[in-house]
């Protein structure tokens, strides 16, 4: 089994910053990509940022220039630095990891954390 644990959420004023952290643990052979998604009430879960093994990263248009995703490949952690936060960033943020758990089987599957609440007040 694989567990993802997020931390760092909270309440901030517009224009402020937060840093979210996610740690993956359990039976892990390797992790391909890790990312952050968010879901606001009544809305579909959406990509915020994803980091790939090759060092590239994708960002949602709303996150570009404000958010930065970073990984520690040895610790199996991923962070999301969020600056210049806006009220529309308010959502539950979920960590995701595409994990290979079996060294004998080339198979990856996605795992999700429990989510951490981010609330941005105006």
Protein backbone atom coordinates (compact mmCIF):
# COMPACT_ATOMS: atom_id res chain seq x y z
CA UNK A 1 0.00 0.00 0.00
CA UNK A 2 0.95 3.61 -0.61
CA UNK A 3 -0.01 6.56 1.53
CA UNK A 4 0.15 10.23 0.65
CA UNK A 5 -0.05 12.75 3.46
CA UNK A 6 -0.54 16.43 2.76
CA UNK A 7 0.14 19.35 5.05
CA UNK A 8 0.45 23.10 4.95
CA UNK A 9 -3.07 24.19 4.19
CA UNK A 10 -4.76 26.98 6.06
CA UNK A 11 -6.41 30.35 5.89
CA UNK A 12 -4.62 33.30 4.37
CA UNK A 13 -5.53 36.71 3.07
CA UNK A 14 -5.49 37.52 -0.61
CA UNK A 15 -1.96 38.22 -1.74
CA UNK A 16 -0.46 35.93 0.85
CA UNK A 17 1.49 32.71 0.45
CA UNK A 18 1.26 29.10 1.50
CA UNK A 19 3.51 26.12 0.99
CA UNK A 20 1.87 22.72 0.71
CA UNK A 21 3.82 19.55 1.32
CA UNK A 22 3.09 15.94 0.47
CA UNK A 23 4.98 12.85 1.58
CA UNK A 24 4.55 9.47 -0.05
CA UNK A 25 5.28 6.35 1.96
CA UNK A 26 4.69 2.64 1.90
CA UNK A 27 5.56 0.08 -0.74
CA UNK A 28 7.19 2.17 -3.43
CA UNK A 29 9.57 1.02 -6.10
CA UNK A 30 9.55 4.25 -8.03
CA UNK A 31 7.39 7.28 -8.67
CA UNK A 32 6.91 8.61 -12.15
CA UNK A 33 5.11 11.88 -11.58
CA UNK A 34 3.65 13.71 -8.63
CA UNK A 35 1.21 16.53 -8.72
CA UNK A 36 -1.26 18.75 -6.98
CA UNK A 37 -4.95 18.99 -7.79
CA UNK A 38 -7.71 20.99 -6.23
CA UNK A 39 -11.45 20.79 -5.93
CA UNK A 40 -13.75 23.62 -4.98
CA UNK A 41 -17.34 23.00 -3.85
CA UNK A 42 -19.56 22.14 -6.79
CA UNK A 43 -16.64 21.91 -9.17
CA UNK A 44 -14.66 19.10 -10.73
CA UNK A 45 -11.22 18.26 -9.46
CA UNK A 46 -8.65 20.03 -11.60
CA UNK A 47 -4.94 19.96 -12.16
CA UNK A 48 -2.91 22.65 -10.45
CA UNK A 49 0.61 21.44 -11.16
CA UNK A 50 2.35 18.20 -12.03
CA UNK A 51 6.04 17.35 -11.85
CA UNK A 52 7.56 14.67 -14.08
CA UNK A 53 10.64 12.52 -13.65
CA UNK A 54 12.45 14.27 -16.45
CA UNK A 55 12.34 17.53 -14.54
CA UNK A 56 9.54 19.18 -16.44
CA UNK A 57 6.38 20.51 -14.90
CA UNK A 58 2.92 21.45 -16.09
CA UNK A 59 0.80 24.16 -14.53
CA UNK A 60 -2.76 25.20 -14.84
CA UNK A 61 -3.09 28.58 -16.52
CA UNK A 62 -4.39 30.03 -13.28
CA UNK A 63 -1.26 28.86 -11.45
CA UNK A 64 1.40 29.95 -13.90
CA UNK A 65 3.66 32.63 -12.53
CA UNK A 66 2.31 32.25 -9.00
CA UNK A 67 2.78 28.60 -8.04
CA UNK A 68 5.90 26.47 -8.11
CA UNK A 69 6.01 22.70 -7.75
CA UNK A 70 9.14 20.97 -6.51
CA UNK A 71 10.12 17.39 -5.73
CA UNK A 72 12.61 15.61 -3.57
CA UNK A 73 13.16 12.34 -5.38
CA UNK A 74 15.01 10.72 -2.49
CA UNK A 75 12.35 11.51 0.08
CA UNK A 76 9.36 10.97 -2.22
CA UNK A 77 7.94 14.34 -1.38
CA UNK A 78 6.44 17.10 -3.45
CA UNK A 79 5.78 20.69 -2.44
CA UNK A 80 3.65 23.41 -3.90
CA UNK A 81 4.69 26.96 -3.20
CA UNK A 82 1.71 29.22 -3.69
CA UNK A 83 2.25 32.96 -3.89
CA UNK A 84 -0.05 35.87 -4.56
CA UNK A 85 -3.03 33.81 -3.52
CA UNK A 86 -6.47 34.80 -4.71
CA UNK A 87 -9.91 33.99 -3.30
CA UNK A 88 -10.54 31.77 -6.32
CA UNK A 89 -7.67 29.56 -5.15
CA UNK A 90 -9.88 28.44 -2.27
CA UNK A 91 -10.30 24.67 -2.52
CA UNK A 92 -9.27 21.36 -1.07
CA UNK A 93 -5.86 20.54 -2.47
CA UNK A 94 -4.97 16.92 -3.14
CA UNK A 95 -1.61 15.33 -3.68
CA UNK A 96 -1.32 12.71 -6.40
CA UNK A 97 1.45 10.28 -7.22
CA UNK A 98 1.83 7.85 -10.10
CA UNK A 99 3.56 4.96 -8.36
CA UNK A 100 5.24 1.72 -9.36
CA UNK A 101 5.05 -0.55 -6.34
CA UNK A 102 6.44 -3.82 -7.71
CA UNK A 103 10.00 -4.15 -8.94
CA UNK A 104 9.00 -7.23 -10.94
CA UNK A 105 6.01 -5.68 -12.65
CA UNK A 106 6.10 -2.59 -14.82
CA UNK A 107 2.81 -1.15 -13.68
CA UNK A 108 1.92 2.28 -12.35
CA UNK A 109 -1.20 3.50 -10.66
CA UNK A 110 -2.37 6.73 -9.13
CA UNK A 111 -2.65 7.34 -5.42
CA UNK A 112 -4.30 10.28 -3.70
CA UNK A 113 -3.87 12.01 -0.40
CA UNK A 114 -6.70 12.96 1.92
CA UNK A 115 -6.61 16.61 0.92
CA UNK A 116 -5.75 19.80 2.74
CA UNK A 117 -7.97 22.86 2.85
CA UNK A 118 -6.78 26.17 1.47
CA UNK A 119 -8.96 29.19 2.10
CA UNK A 120 -8.11 32.63 0.79
CA UNK A 121 -10.06 35.53 2.18
CA UNK A 122 -10.57 38.86 0.47
